[in-house]
C-alpha atoms as a PDB file:
ATOM      1  CA  MET A   1     -14.318  15.855 -13.768  1.00  0.00           C
ATOM      2  CA  ASN A   2     -14.066  15.514  -9.990  1.00  0.00           C
ATOM      3  CA  ARG A   3     -10.792  14.592  -8.300  1.00  0.00           C
ATOM      4  CA  ILE A   4     -11.334  12.283  -5.316  1.00  0.00           C
ATOM      5  CA  GLY A   5      -8.784  11.555  -2.603  1.00  0.00           C
ATOM      6  CA  PHE A   6      -9.294   9.063   0.203  1.00  0.00           C
ATOM      7  CA  LEU A   7      -7.442   7.353   3.043  1.00  0.00           C
ATOM      8  CA  LEU A   8      -7.359   3.816   4.362  1.00  0.00           C
ATOM      9  CA  THR A   9      -4.938   1.994   6.656  1.00  0.00           C
ATOM     10  CA  VAL A  10      -3.245  -1.241   5.630  1.00  0.00           C
ATOM     11  CA  LYS A  11      -2.021  -3.477   8.470  1.00  0.00           C
ATOM     12  CA  GLU A  12       1.760  -3.071   8.761  1.00  0.00           C
ATOM     13  CA  GLU A  13       2.331  -6.822   8.790  1.00  0.00           C
ATOM     14  CA  LYS A  14       0.383  -7.108   5.498  1.00  0.00           C
ATOM     15  CA  LEU A  15       2.137  -4.367   3.472  1.00  0.00           C
ATOM     16  CA  SER A  16       4.179  -6.693   1.250  1.00  0.00           C
ATOM     17  CA  GLU A  17       1.208  -8.960   0.569  1.00  0.00           C
ATOM     18  CA  TYR A  18      -1.008  -5.976  -0.223  1.00  0.00           C
ATOM     19  CA  LYS A  19       1.469  -4.579  -2.732  1.00  0.00           C
ATOM     20  CA  GLU A  20       1.883  -8.018  -4.318  1.00  0.00           C
ATOM     21  CA  ALA A  21      -1.904  -8.406  -4.679  1.00  0.00           C
ATOM     22  CA  HIS A  22      -1.999  -5.226  -6.756  1.00  0.00           C
ATOM     23  CA  LYS A  23       0.498  -6.513  -9.294  1.00  0.00           C
ATOM     24  CA  ASN A  24      -2.279  -8.678 -10.729  1.00  0.00           C
ATOM     25  CA  VAL A  25      -5.595  -6.878 -10.338  1.00  0.00           C
ATOM     26  CA  TRP A  26      -8.291  -8.967 -11.993  1.00  0.00           C
ATOM     27  CA  PRO A  27      -9.128  -7.783 -15.516  1.00  0.00           C
ATOM     28  CA  GLU A  28     -12.851  -7.831 -14.675  1.00  0.00           C
ATOM     29  CA  MET A  29     -12.158  -5.557 -11.677  1.00  0.00           C
ATOM     30  CA  LEU A  30     -10.269  -3.104 -13.887  1.00  0.00           C
ATOM     31  CA  GLN A  31     -13.183  -3.148 -16.333  1.00  0.00           C
ATOM     32  CA  ALA A  32     -15.689  -2.561 -13.525  1.00  0.00           C
ATOM     33  CA  LEU A  33     -13.720   0.464 -12.292  1.00  0.00           C
ATOM     34  CA  GLU A  34     -13.690   1.911 -15.795  1.00  0.00           C
ATOM     35  CA  GLU A  35     -17.418   1.269 -16.287  1.00  0.00           C
ATOM     36  CA  ALA A  36     -18.204   2.856 -12.902  1.00  0.00           C
ATOM     37  CA  GLY A  37     -16.379   6.038 -13.904  1.00  0.00           C
ATOM     38  CA  TRP A  38     -13.144   5.601 -11.914  1.00  0.00           C
ATOM     39  CA  HIS A  39     -10.385   7.087 -14.087  1.00  0.00           C
ATOM     40  CA  ASN A  40      -6.716   7.877 -13.474  1.00  0.00           C
ATOM     41  CA  TYR A  41      -6.937   5.730 -10.308  1.00  0.00           C
ATOM     42  CA  SER A  42      -3.780   5.505  -8.188  1.00  0.00           C
ATOM     43  CA  LEU A  43      -2.893   4.127  -4.766  1.00  0.00           C
ATOM     44  CA  PHE A  44       0.033   5.371  -2.661  1.00  0.00           C
ATOM     45  CA  LEU A  45       1.266   3.546   0.461  1.00  0.00           C
ATOM     46  CA  ASN A  46       3.759   4.518   3.137  1.00  0.00           C
ATOM     47  CA  SER A  47       5.833   2.166   5.293  1.00  0.00           C
ATOM     48  CA  GLU A  48       3.415   2.472   8.232  1.00  0.00           C
ATOM     49  CA  GLY A  49       0.350   1.420   6.248  1.00  0.00           C
ATOM     50  CA  LEU A  50      -1.195   4.785   5.430  1.00  0.00           C
ATOM     51  CA  LEU A  51      -2.844   4.377   2.030  1.00  0.00           C
ATOM     52  CA  PHE A  52      -3.804   7.385  -0.080  1.00  0.00           C
ATOM     53  CA  GLY A  53      -6.071   6.725  -3.043  1.00  0.00           C
ATOM     54  CA  TYR A  54      -6.841   9.098  -5.874  1.00  0.00           C
ATOM     55  CA  PHE A  55      -9.165   8.896  -8.858  1.00  0.00           C
ATOM     56  CA  GLU A  56     -11.008  11.158 -11.251  1.00  0.00           C
ATOM     57  CA  THR A  57     -14.692  10.752 -11.986  1.00  0.00           C
ATOM     58  CA  PRO A  58     -17.676  12.642 -13.379  1.00  0.00           C
ATOM     59  CA  PHE A  59     -19.513  11.718 -10.141  1.00  0.00           C
ATOM     60  CA  ASP A  60     -19.211  12.652  -6.476  1.00  0.00           C
ATOM     61  CA  PHE A  61     -17.540  10.319  -3.978  1.00  0.00           C
ATOM     62  CA  GLU A  62     -20.700   8.606  -2.723  1.00  0.00           C
ATOM     63  CA  THR A  63     -22.063   8.065  -6.229  1.00  0.00           C
ATOM     64  CA  SER A  64     -18.702   6.653  -7.312  1.00  0.00           C
ATOM     65  CA  ARG A  65     -18.701   4.172  -4.432  1.00  0.00           C
ATOM     66  CA  ALA A  66     -22.331   3.243  -5.102  1.00  0.00           C
ATOM     67  CA  ARG A  67     -21.606   2.604  -8.784  1.00  0.00           C
ATOM     68  CA  MET A  68     -18.796   0.225  -7.819  1.00  0.00           C
ATOM     69  CA  ALA A  69     -20.980  -1.464  -5.189  1.00  0.00           C
ATOM     70  CA  GLU A  70     -23.364  -2.443  -7.999  1.00  0.00           C
ATOM     71  CA  LYS A  71     -20.619  -4.518  -9.629  1.00  0.00           C
ATOM     72  CA  GLU A  72     -20.561  -8.185  -8.618  1.00  0.00           C
ATOM     73  CA  VAL A  73     -16.789  -8.359  -9.014  1.00  0.00           C
ATOM     74  CA  ASN A  74     -16.370  -5.543  -6.494  1.00  0.00           C
ATOM     75  CA  ALA A  75     -17.921  -7.619  -3.714  1.00  0.00           C
ATOM     76  CA  ARG A  76     -15.481 -10.452  -4.448  1.00  0.00           C
ATOM     77  CA  TRP A  77     -12.505  -8.066  -4.605  1.00  0.00           C
ATOM     78  CA  GLN A  78     -13.480  -6.324  -1.351  1.00  0.00           C
ATOM     79  CA  GLU A  79     -13.836  -9.690   0.378  1.00  0.00           C
ATOM     80  CA  LYS A  80     -10.387 -10.724  -0.857  1.00  0.00           C
ATOM     81  CA  MET A  81      -8.815  -7.415   0.277  1.00  0.00           C
ATOM     82  CA  ALA A  82     -10.579  -7.052   3.645  1.00  0.00           C
ATOM     83  CA  HIS A  83      -7.946  -8.854   5.723  1.00  0.00           C
ATOM     84  CA  TYR A  84      -5.253  -6.353   4.653  1.00  0.00           C
ATOM     85  CA  PHE A  85      -6.966  -3.370   6.264  1.00  0.00           C
ATOM     86  CA  GLU A  86      -7.476  -1.914   9.708  1.00  0.00           C
ATOM     87  CA  SER A  87     -11.195  -1.494  10.254  1.00  0.00           C
ATOM     88  CA  PRO A  88     -11.842   1.774  12.096  1.00  0.00           C
ATOM     89  CA  SER A  89     -15.071   0.509  13.597  1.00  0.00           C
ATOM     90  CA  GLY A  90     -13.771  -3.011  14.200  1.00  0.00           C
ATOM     91  CA  ASP A  91     -16.906  -4.417  12.587  1.00  0.00           C
ATOM     92  CA  GLY A  92     -15.167  -6.091   9.634  1.00  0.00           C
ATOM     93  CA  ALA A  93     -16.635  -3.706   7.057  1.00  0.00           C
ATOM     94  CA  HIS A  94     -15.258  -3.973   3.540  1.00  0.00           C
ATOM     95  CA  PRO A  95     -12.461  -1.523   2.736  1.00  0.00           C
ATOM     96  CA  ASP A  96     -14.577   0.440   0.252  1.00  0.00           C
ATOM     97  CA  GLU A  97     -17.078   1.101   3.053  1.00  0.00           C
ATOM     98  CA  THR A  98     -14.434   2.611   5.350  1.00  0.00           C
ATOM     99  CA  MET A  99     -12.691   5.007   2.955  1.00  0.00           C
ATOM    100  CA  ILE A 100     -12.200   8.448   4.455  1.00  0.00           C
ATOM    101  CA  GLU A 101     -12.785  11.102   1.808  1.00  0.00           C
ATOM    102  CA  LEU A 102     -10.344  14.007   1.784  1.00  0.00           C
ATOM    103  CA  GLU A 103     -11.299  17.559   0.902  1.00  0.00           C
ATOM    104  CA  GLU A 104      -9.352  19.042  -1.986  1.00  0.00           C
ATOM    105  CA  VAL A 105      -7.895  22.374  -0.873  1.00  0.00           C
ATOM    106  CA  PHE A 106      -5.573  23.170  -3.784  1.00  0.00           C
ATOM    107  CA  HIS A 107      -5.101  22.074  -7.375  1.00  0.00           C
ATOM    108  CA  LEU A 108      -2.532  23.323  -9.897  1.00  0.00           C
ATOM    109  CA  PRO A 109      -3.989  22.636 -13.343  1.00  0.00           C
END
Protein backbone atom coordinates (compact mmCIF):
# COMPACT_ATOMS: atom_id res chain seq x y z
CA MET A 1 0.00 0.00 0.00
CA ASN A 2 1.37 3.41 -0.96
CA ARG A 3 0.91 6.44 1.29
CA ILE A 4 0.28 9.62 -0.71
CA GLY A 5 0.54 13.16 0.64
CA PHE A 6 -0.33 16.27 -1.33
CA LEU A 7 -0.80 20.02 -0.94
CA LEU A 8 -3.34 22.49 -2.23
CA THR A 9 -4.22 26.04 -1.18
CA VAL A 10 -7.75 27.04 -0.23
CA LYS A 11 -8.60 30.74 -0.56
CA GLU A 12 -8.59 32.28 2.93
CA GLU A 13 -11.96 33.93 2.40
CA LYS A 14 -13.45 30.52 1.49
CA LEU A 15 -12.17 28.44 4.45
CA SER A 16 -15.48 28.22 6.31
CA GLU A 17 -17.42 27.37 3.16
CA TYR A 18 -14.86 24.73 2.19
CA LYS A 19 -15.07 23.03 5.57
CA GLU A 20 -18.87 23.15 5.45
CA ALA A 21 -18.90 21.54 1.98
CA HIS A 22 -17.02 18.56 3.38
CA LYS A 23 -19.61 17.85 6.04
CA ASN A 24 -21.82 16.39 3.31
CA VAL A 25 -19.64 14.78 0.67
CA TRP A 26 -21.89 13.14 -1.91
CA PRO A 27 -22.33 9.40 -1.32
CA GLU A 28 -21.52 8.71 -4.99
CA MET A 29 -18.25 10.65 -4.59
CA LEU A 30 -17.32 8.58 -1.54
CA GLN A 31 -18.09 5.42 -3.51
CA ALA A 32 -15.99 6.62 -6.45
CA LEU A 33 -13.01 7.27 -4.17
CA GLU A 34 -13.31 3.78 -2.72
CA GLU A 35 -13.63 2.18 -6.17
CA ALA A 36 -10.60 4.14 -7.43
CA GLY A 37 -8.47 2.80 -4.58
CA TRP A 38 -8.37 5.87 -2.32
CA HIS A 39 -8.39 4.53 1.25
CA ASN A 40 -7.88 6.15 4.66
CA TYR A 41 -8.32 9.55 2.94
CA SER A 42 -7.96 12.63 5.15
CA LEU A 43 -7.74 16.37 4.59
CA PHE A 44 -6.06 18.80 7.01
CA LEU A 45 -6.42 22.59 6.73
CA ASN A 46 -4.67 25.44 8.50
CA SER A 47 -6.04 28.93 9.12
CA GLU A 48 -4.14 30.38 6.15
CA GLY A 49 -5.58 27.93 3.62
CA LEU A 50 -2.78 25.38 3.38
CA LEU A 51 -4.46 22.04 2.74
CA PHE A 52 -2.64 18.76 3.31
CA GLY A 53 -4.27 15.64 1.91
CA TYR A 54 -3.35 12.06 2.68
CA PHE A 55 -4.58 8.73 1.36
CA GLU A 56 -3.43 5.16 0.99
CA THR A 57 -3.66 3.28 -2.28
CA PRO A 58 -2.24 0.26 -4.08
CA PHE A 59 -1.36 2.64 -6.96
CA ASP A 60 1.08 5.50 -7.48
CA PHE A 61 -0.07 9.12 -7.33
CA GLU A 62 -0.62 9.62 -11.06
CA THR A 63 -2.51 6.35 -11.44
CA SER A 64 -4.67 7.24 -8.45
CA ARG A 65 -5.56 10.61 -9.97
CA ALA A 66 -6.22 9.01 -13.36
CA ARG A 67 -8.54 6.42 -11.81
CA MET A 68 -10.56 9.20 -10.18
CA ALA A 69 -10.59 11.22 -13.41
CA GLU A 70 -12.42 8.31 -15.05
CA LYS A 71 -15.34 8.76 -12.64
CA GLU A 72 -18.13 11.02 -13.90
CA VAL A 73 -18.94 12.19 -10.38
CA ASN A 74 -15.37 13.42 -9.94
CA ALA A 75 -15.75 15.95 -12.75
CA ARG A 76 -18.89 17.33 -11.09
CA TRP A 77 -17.23 17.43 -7.65
CA GLN A 78 -14.10 19.15 -9.00
CA GLU A 79 -16.25 21.75 -10.77
CA LYS A 80 -18.16 22.41 -7.54
CA MET A 81 -14.92 22.72 -5.51
CA ALA A 82 -12.86 24.75 -7.99
CA HIS A 83 -13.84 28.19 -6.69
CA TYR A 84 -12.46 27.37 -3.22
CA PHE A 85 -8.88 26.96 -4.42
CA GLU A 86 -5.97 29.12 -5.48
CA SER A 87 -4.89 28.00 -8.92
CA PRO A 88 -1.09 28.08 -9.14
CA SER A 89 -1.12 28.60 -12.88
CA GLY A 90 -4.12 30.92 -12.85
CA ASP A 91 -5.70 28.90 -15.64
CA GLY A 92 -8.73 27.70 -13.66
CA ALA A 93 -7.60 24.06 -13.60
CA HIS A 94 -9.59 21.72 -11.39
CA PRO A 95 -8.14 21.19 -7.92
CA ASP A 96 -7.26 17.54 -8.59
CA GLU A 97 -5.10 18.70 -11.51
CA THR A 98 -3.06 21.08 -9.33
CA MET A 99 -2.25 18.82 -6.37
CA ILE A 100 1.41 18.98 -5.40
CA GLU A 101 2.63 15.52 -4.43
CA LEU A 102 4.88 15.34 -1.38
CA GLU A 103 7.74 12.90 -1.01
CA GLU A 104 7.50 10.64 2.03
CA VAL A 105 10.77 10.88 3.97
CA PHE A 106 9.86 9.01 7.16
CA HIS A 107 7.22 6.57 8.32
CA LEU A 108 6.86 4.95 11.75
CA PRO A 109 4.88 1.74 11.22
